[in-house]
Amino acid sequence: MDEMRVLREAFGPDASPSPEARQRARAALAGRIGGRRRAGRRFSFRIPIAVGMAGAATVAVAFAVAHRTVAPVTPPVALPSTARQEPGGGGMPYLRPVSAAQYLENAAWTAERQQWTDPAPDQFMYVETRELRNPAGYENENPNGSLLPGRAKYRTIQEWNRLDGEVWAKTRNTGRIEVLEKGKNGMSWGRIDWSRLTGLTTPEKIQAFYDDPGPTSMDPEALVGQYVLPPKVEAAFFRYLAQQPGMKVNNDAVNIDGRPAIGMGRIEEGYLSRELLFDKQTYRLIGDRLIAVADEREGHDDGFPATRKGDVLRQVIYTRQVIVDRLFDTR
């Protein structure tokens, strides 16, 4: 199915598509552009896509696992369960949040307290994740399948993106790293311009960005996990998400590395819940997942197997997100 057919089917005959139609079209296009090449819907998070892979160089490096660097969090003061701390009070805004907006405000408060130094254009964003994946043989035969309970295992993924957008390196399934240089052997990929991101310091600016995203865009839930953002920008994204319709709290999300996590997300395509995962104590962003909250009712002529309620299609832990000086640096 080509992109124009996707748009026609999603928008229908109306001259001006509805917001629901726009969301369906965006989800369909993102799935086809953003990674169904490897393992189905759970990779719709993953952008950019490289063109001209034959020109990639590969090198072997050792994996290093470390936790996301966040400044210490001040313990919350004793407040009623939903009381908000007054400005300048020094404590976390909500001691016991009950709504998505309150949880996300706590996450924004935590994000703003991260250590940060403005980077140079020749430095790299280093993002390290642990991604739950099916056994390689099964995944090759069923690239669009849900994660198999008891059989899916975590794999460490490392990724370096130079801030000027000219170099990108990431791990392959073999454990090696491929290095891509834009323009070399026809290599190209989409990436949001770093200079645009650094100015997104309020929800209003983020909305303006999505109103006119330029040639490359990414859903906010994916962007905050794949880019190393300045603290004010990350906080603004959480506050932007708090304003979006349909944001819900999943108090029983999942345990991540022994830490209880809470999910914050919204329903896509009527049956998929895309959730950002936060540590329940510190409200740090620690992962994301995609889970079916209902059986898929549509046909499967696009090559995807049936999806049942409770199926997990993606689960990722963010183990490190930092700015580094050189390719292959990890801290």
Protein backbone atom coordinates (compact mmCIF):
# COMPACT_ATOMS: atom_id res chain seq x y z
CA MET A 1 0.00 0.00 0.00
CA ASP A 2 1.54 3.35 -1.04
CA GLU A 3 1.38 6.56 1.01
CA MET A 4 -1.24 8.28 -1.16
CA ARG A 5 -3.57 5.32 -0.77
CA VAL A 6 -3.03 5.45 2.98
CA LEU A 7 -3.98 9.12 3.00
CA ARG A 8 -7.06 8.59 0.82
CA GLU A 9 -8.31 5.74 2.99
CA ALA A 10 -7.59 7.57 6.23
CA PHE A 11 -9.09 10.93 5.24
CA GLY A 12 -12.14 9.67 3.36
CA PRO A 13 -14.03 11.88 0.90
CA ASP A 14 -14.20 15.04 3.05
CA ALA A 15 -12.23 18.00 1.75
CA SER A 16 -11.00 18.83 5.25
CA PRO A 17 -9.98 15.75 7.25
CA SER A 18 -11.05 15.44 10.87
CA PRO A 19 -8.51 15.28 13.72
CA GLU A 20 -9.28 11.57 14.04
CA ALA A 21 -8.54 11.04 10.35
CA ARG A 22 -5.30 12.99 10.63
CA GLN A 23 -4.24 10.79 13.57
CA ARG A 24 -5.03 7.60 11.66
CA ALA A 25 -3.10 8.78 8.62
CA ARG A 26 -0.13 9.89 10.68
CA ALA A 27 -0.06 6.54 12.52
CA ALA A 28 -0.29 4.62 9.25
CA LEU A 29 2.45 6.63 7.57
CA ALA A 30 4.68 6.55 10.65
CA GLY A 31 4.40 2.79 10.77
CA ARG A 32 5.39 2.44 7.11
CA ILE A 33 8.14 5.08 7.24
CA GLY A 34 9.37 4.62 10.80
CA GLY A 35 10.43 1.05 11.12
CA ARG A 36 8.01 -1.76 10.23
CA ARG A 37 11.04 -2.84 8.24
CA ARG A 38 12.25 -4.76 11.28
CA ALA A 39 9.68 -5.75 13.85
CA GLY A 40 6.21 -4.37 13.35
CA ARG A 41 4.25 -1.72 15.14
CA ARG A 42 6.48 -1.56 18.17
CA PHE A 43 9.14 0.11 16.01
CA SER A 44 6.96 3.00 14.91
CA PHE A 45 8.89 4.91 17.60
CA ARG A 46 12.14 4.54 15.74
CA ILE A 47 13.26 7.39 13.47
CA PRO A 48 15.45 8.23 11.55
CA ILE A 49 15.59 5.85 8.60
CA ALA A 50 18.85 5.62 6.67
CA VAL A 51 18.95 5.32 2.88
CA GLY A 52 21.97 3.73 1.24
CA MET A 53 22.95 1.20 3.90
CA ALA A 54 25.54 -0.48 1.69
CA GLY A 55 27.93 2.37 2.45
CA ALA A 56 27.93 1.78 6.20
CA ALA A 57 31.11 0.90 8.07
CA THR A 58 30.89 -1.48 11.04
CA VAL A 59 33.02 -1.66 14.16
CA ALA A 60 32.82 -3.75 17.33
CA VAL A 61 32.63 -2.04 20.71
CA ALA A 62 31.95 -3.18 24.26
CA PHE A 63 28.57 -2.31 25.77
CA ALA A 64 28.50 -0.10 28.86
CA VAL A 65 25.31 0.10 30.94
CA ALA A 66 24.77 3.13 33.15
CA HIS A 67 21.72 4.96 34.42
CA ARG A 68 20.32 8.17 33.03
CA THR A 69 22.10 11.13 34.62
CA VAL A 70 19.65 13.19 36.67
CA ALA A 71 20.42 15.59 39.50
CA PRO A 72 19.28 14.45 42.98
CA VAL A 73 15.60 15.04 43.67
CA THR A 74 14.59 17.04 46.73
CA PRO A 75 12.27 14.93 48.95
CA PRO A 76 8.66 16.16 48.78
CA VAL A 77 7.25 18.04 51.75
CA ALA A 78 4.22 16.73 53.65
CA LEU A 79 1.15 17.87 51.74
CA PRO A 80 -2.40 16.63 51.26
CA SER A 81 -2.57 13.95 48.60
CA THR A 82 -3.38 16.26 45.67
CA ALA A 83 -2.09 19.57 47.02
CA ARG A 84 0.22 21.57 44.80
CA GLN A 85 3.37 23.08 46.24
CA GLU A 86 3.41 26.89 46.08
CA PRO A 87 6.02 28.40 43.70
CA GLY A 88 9.40 28.62 45.41
CA GLY A 89 8.46 26.03 48.03
CA GLY A 90 11.28 23.73 46.94
CA GLY A 91 9.36 20.44 47.00
CA MET A 92 7.92 18.22 44.29
CA PRO A 93 4.65 19.75 43.04
CA TYR A 94 2.37 16.81 43.95
CA LEU A 95 3.07 14.45 46.83
CA ARG A 96 0.51 11.86 45.70
CA PRO A 97 -0.58 12.69 42.15
CA VAL A 98 -3.83 11.20 40.94
CA SER A 99 -4.15 12.45 37.36
CA ALA A 100 -1.95 12.31 34.26
CA ALA A 101 -1.50 16.08 34.41
CA GLN A 102 -0.22 15.90 38.00
CA TYR A 103 2.16 13.03 37.27
CA LEU A 104 3.52 14.82 34.22
CA GLU A 105 4.00 18.04 36.20
CA ASN A 106 6.09 16.04 38.70
CA ALA A 107 8.06 14.61 35.76
CA ALA A 108 8.62 18.13 34.41
CA TRP A 109 9.81 19.28 37.85
CA THR A 110 12.31 16.41 37.96
CA ALA A 111 13.50 17.04 34.40
CA GLU A 112 14.21 20.69 35.15
CA ARG A 113 16.70 19.63 37.83
CA GLN A 114 18.97 17.67 35.50
CA GLN A 115 22.54 18.86 35.10
CA TRP A 116 23.15 20.45 31.72
CA THR A 117 25.79 22.29 29.68
CA ASP A 118 24.91 23.55 26.20
CA PRO A 119 26.73 21.29 23.69
CA ALA A 120 28.72 22.12 20.56
CA PRO A 121 27.52 21.08 17.06
CA ASP A 122 30.27 18.44 16.75
CA GLN A 123 29.27 16.65 19.96
CA PHE A 124 26.99 13.62 20.01
CA MET A 125 23.74 12.62 21.63
CA TYR A 126 24.37 9.18 23.11
CA VAL A 127 21.23 7.14 23.82
CA GLU A 128 21.52 3.67 25.29
CA THR A 129 18.47 1.47 25.76
CA ARG A 130 17.57 -2.08 26.65
CA GLU A 131 14.92 -3.27 24.24
CA LEU A 132 12.75 -6.34 24.85
CA ARG A 133 12.97 -8.50 21.72
CA ASN A 134 11.77 -11.92 20.63
CA PRO A 135 14.34 -14.69 19.91
CA ALA A 136 16.13 -13.88 16.66
CA GLY A 137 14.83 -16.93 14.78
CA TYR A 138 11.22 -16.29 15.77
CA GLU A 139 11.56 -12.58 15.04
CA ASN A 140 12.88 -13.29 11.55
CA GLU A 141 9.89 -15.52 10.84
CA ASN A 142 7.37 -13.27 12.63
CA PRO A 143 8.75 -9.72 12.37
CA ASN A 144 5.40 -8.15 13.27
CA GLY A 145 4.52 -10.41 16.17
CA SER A 146 3.87 -9.46 19.77
CA LEU A 147 6.54 -10.13 22.37
CA LEU A 148 6.49 -13.72 23.58
CA PRO A 149 5.98 -14.04 27.35
CA GLY A 150 8.93 -15.80 28.95
CA ARG A 151 10.90 -15.91 25.70
CA ALA A 152 11.50 -12.28 24.80
CA LYS A 153 14.83 -11.04 26.16
CA TYR A 154 16.40 -7.61 26.56
CA ARG A 155 19.04 -6.51 24.05
CA THR A 156 21.27 -3.48 24.60
CA ILE A 157 21.04 -0.86 21.86
CA GLN A 158 23.54 1.99 21.57
CA GLU A 159 23.06 5.01 19.33
CA TRP A 160 25.12 8.13 18.61
CA ASN A 161 23.76 11.14 16.71
CA ARG A 162 26.01 14.11 16.03
CA LEU A 163 24.19 17.33 16.80
CA ASP A 164 24.84 18.75 13.34
CA GLY A 165 23.00 15.73 11.91
CA GLU A 166 25.91 14.54 9.73
CA VAL A 167 26.90 11.31 11.54
CA TRP A 168 24.75 8.53 12.97
CA ALA A 169 25.90 5.23 14.48
CA LYS A 170 23.94 2.44 16.14
CA THR A 171 24.14 -1.22 17.09
CA ARG A 172 22.95 -3.93 14.76
CA ASN A 173 21.45 -7.28 15.77
CA THR A 174 24.92 -8.79 15.47
CA GLY A 175 26.19 -6.63 18.34
CA ARG A 176 28.35 -4.57 15.99
CA ILE A 177 27.91 -0.87 15.34
CA GLU A 178 27.33 0.62 11.91
CA VAL A 179 28.56 4.15 11.27
CA LEU A 180 26.70 6.27 8.73
CA GLU A 181 27.94 9.56 7.25
CA LYS A 182 25.44 11.76 5.44
CA GLY A 183 26.28 12.15 1.76
CA LYS A 184 28.76 9.27 1.70
CA ASN A 185 27.73 6.66 -0.90
CA GLY A 186 24.38 8.38 -1.22
CA MET A 187 23.62 8.03 2.50
CA SER A 188 20.77 10.13 3.89
CA TRP A 189 18.28 10.05 6.75
CA GLY A 190 15.71 12.28 8.40
CA ARG A 191 16.48 14.03 11.66
CA ILE A 192 14.90 16.98 13.44
CA ASP A 193 17.24 19.97 13.43
CA TRP A 194 18.78 20.34 16.90
CA SER A 195 18.52 24.14 16.74
CA ARG A 196 14.75 23.84 16.42
CA LEU A 197 14.48 21.61 19.46
CA THR A 198 16.49 23.84 21.80
CA GLY A 199 13.92 26.62 21.47
CA LEU A 200 10.93 24.46 22.48
CA THR A 201 10.82 25.62 26.08
CA THR A 202 7.04 25.97 26.54
CA PRO A 203 3.99 23.87 25.56
CA GLU A 204 2.91 26.73 23.28
CA LYS A 205 6.20 26.62 21.36
CA ILE A 206 5.92 22.85 21.04
CA GLN A 207 2.41 23.19 19.63
CA ALA A 208 3.69 25.72 17.09
CA PHE A 209 6.43 23.24 16.16
CA TYR A 210 3.89 20.50 15.48
CA ASP A 211 1.72 22.91 13.52
CA ASP A 212 4.70 23.42 11.17
CA PRO A 213 7.14 20.54 11.76
CA GLY A 214 9.17 20.86 8.58
CA PRO A 215 10.45 17.87 6.58
CA THR A 216 10.95 15.59 9.61
CA SER A 217 8.67 15.13 12.59
CA MET A 218 8.22 12.66 15.45
CA ASP A 219 5.50 12.09 18.01
CA PRO A 220 6.41 13.69 21.36
CA GLU A 221 6.37 10.35 23.21
CA ALA A 222 9.07 9.08 20.83
CA LEU A 223 11.05 12.30 20.71
CA VAL A 224 11.69 12.53 24.47
CA GLY A 225 13.12 9.02 24.47
CA GLN A 226 15.32 9.29 21.39
CA TYR A 227 16.82 12.77 21.80
CA VAL A 228 18.95 14.12 24.63
CA LEU A 229 17.00 17.28 25.35
CA PRO A 230 17.92 20.32 27.45
CA PRO A 231 16.10 20.13 30.81
CA LYS A 232 13.74 23.03 30.04
CA VAL A 233 12.80 21.43 26.73
CA GLU A 234 12.16 18.00 28.24
CA ALA A 235 10.03 19.60 30.96
CA ALA A 236 8.08 21.53 28.32
CA PHE A 237 7.32 18.29 26.44
CA PHE A 238 5.89 16.71 29.59
CA ARG A 239 3.71 19.78 30.17
CA TYR A 240 2.65 19.69 26.53
CA LEU A 241 1.63 16.04 26.87
CA ALA A 242 -0.32 16.91 30.02
CA GLN A 243 -2.49 19.20 27.89
CA GLN A 244 -3.26 16.58 25.23
CA PRO A 245 -6.66 14.88 25.22
CA GLY A 246 -6.86 11.24 26.23
CA MET A 247 -3.76 11.12 28.44
CA LYS A 248 -4.30 8.44 31.08
CA VAL A 249 -2.41 6.99 34.06
CA ASN A 250 -1.62 3.28 34.24
CA ASN A 251 -0.71 2.68 37.89
CA ASP A 252 0.11 -0.97 37.24
CA ALA A 253 2.39 -0.41 34.28
CA VAL A 254 5.39 -2.68 34.79
CA ASN A 255 8.53 -3.29 36.83
CA ILE A 256 11.64 -1.96 35.07
CA ASP A 257 14.94 -3.34 36.40
CA GLY A 258 13.27 -3.97 39.74
CA ARG A 259 11.81 -0.47 39.90
CA PRO A 260 8.00 -0.04 39.87
CA ALA A 261 7.07 2.14 36.90
CA ILE A 262 3.94 4.09 36.17
CA GLY A 263 2.69 4.50 32.61
CA MET A 264 1.43 7.71 31.06
CA GLY A 265 -0.13 7.43 27.65
CA ARG A 266 -3.04 7.54 25.25
CA ILE A 267 -4.87 5.13 22.96
CA GLU A 268 -3.92 4.93 19.28
CA GLU A 269 -5.84 3.21 16.49
CA GLY A 270 -8.51 2.25 19.01
CA TYR A 271 -6.62 -0.65 20.62
CA LEU A 272 -2.96 0.33 21.28
CA SER A 273 -1.77 2.19 24.37
CA ARG A 274 1.49 4.03 23.84
CA GLU A 275 2.95 4.74 27.27
CA LEU A 276 5.92 6.62 28.63
CA LEU A 277 7.19 4.90 31.79
CA PHE A 278 8.24 6.91 34.84
CA ASP A 279 9.89 5.84 38.09
CA LYS A 280 7.20 5.93 40.80
CA GLN A 281 9.47 7.55 43.37
CA THR A 282 11.52 10.10 41.42
CA TYR A 283 9.27 10.62 38.35
CA ARG A 284 12.26 10.18 36.08
CA LEU A 285 11.52 9.01 32.54
CA ILE A 286 12.85 5.45 32.40
CA GLY A 287 11.25 3.80 29.36
CA ASP A 288 8.33 3.33 27.03
CA ARG A 289 6.08 0.55 25.84
CA LEU A 290 3.28 -0.24 23.42
CA ILE A 291 0.56 -2.59 24.65
CA ALA A 292 -2.76 -3.78 23.24
CA VAL A 293 -5.69 -2.76 25.44
CA ALA A 294 -8.26 -4.43 23.18
CA ASP A 295 -8.36 -7.05 20.43
CA GLU A 296 -7.57 -5.67 17.00
CA ARG A 297 -10.83 -5.62 15.06
CA GLU A 298 -9.54 -4.72 11.60
CA GLY A 299 -8.37 -7.16 8.95
CA HIS A 300 -4.78 -8.28 8.65
CA ASP A 301 -4.16 -7.82 4.92
CA ASP A 302 -1.20 -5.54 5.75
CA GLY A 303 0.87 -8.51 6.94
CA PHE A 304 0.40 -8.04 10.68
CA PRO A 305 -0.78 -11.01 12.74
CA ALA A 306 -3.81 -10.71 14.99
CA THR A 307 -3.23 -8.67 18.15
CA ARG A 308 -5.00 -9.59 21.37
CA LYS A 309 -5.74 -7.57 24.48
CA GLY A 310 -2.74 -7.69 26.79
CA ASP A 311 -0.16 -8.29 24.03
CA VAL A 312 3.01 -6.21 24.48
CA LEU A 313 4.43 -5.01 21.17
CA ARG A 314 7.28 -2.88 22.51
CA GLN A 315 9.04 -2.41 25.84
CA VAL A 316 12.21 -0.32 26.19
CA ILE A 317 14.30 0.83 29.15
CA TYR A 318 16.31 4.05 28.83
CA THR A 319 19.62 3.28 30.53
CA ARG A 320 21.63 6.34 29.50
CA GLN A 321 20.93 9.60 27.63
CA VAL A 322 23.85 12.04 27.64
CA ILE A 323 25.90 14.41 25.49
CA VAL A 324 29.38 13.03 24.68
CA ASP A 325 32.39 14.49 22.91
CA ARG A 326 33.18 11.78 20.38
CA LEU A 327 31.72 8.81 18.56
CA PHE A 328 31.77 5.70 20.80
CA ASP A 329 32.03 7.74 24.00
CA THR A 330 29.42 6.57 26.51
CA ARG A 331 29.87 9.04 29.37
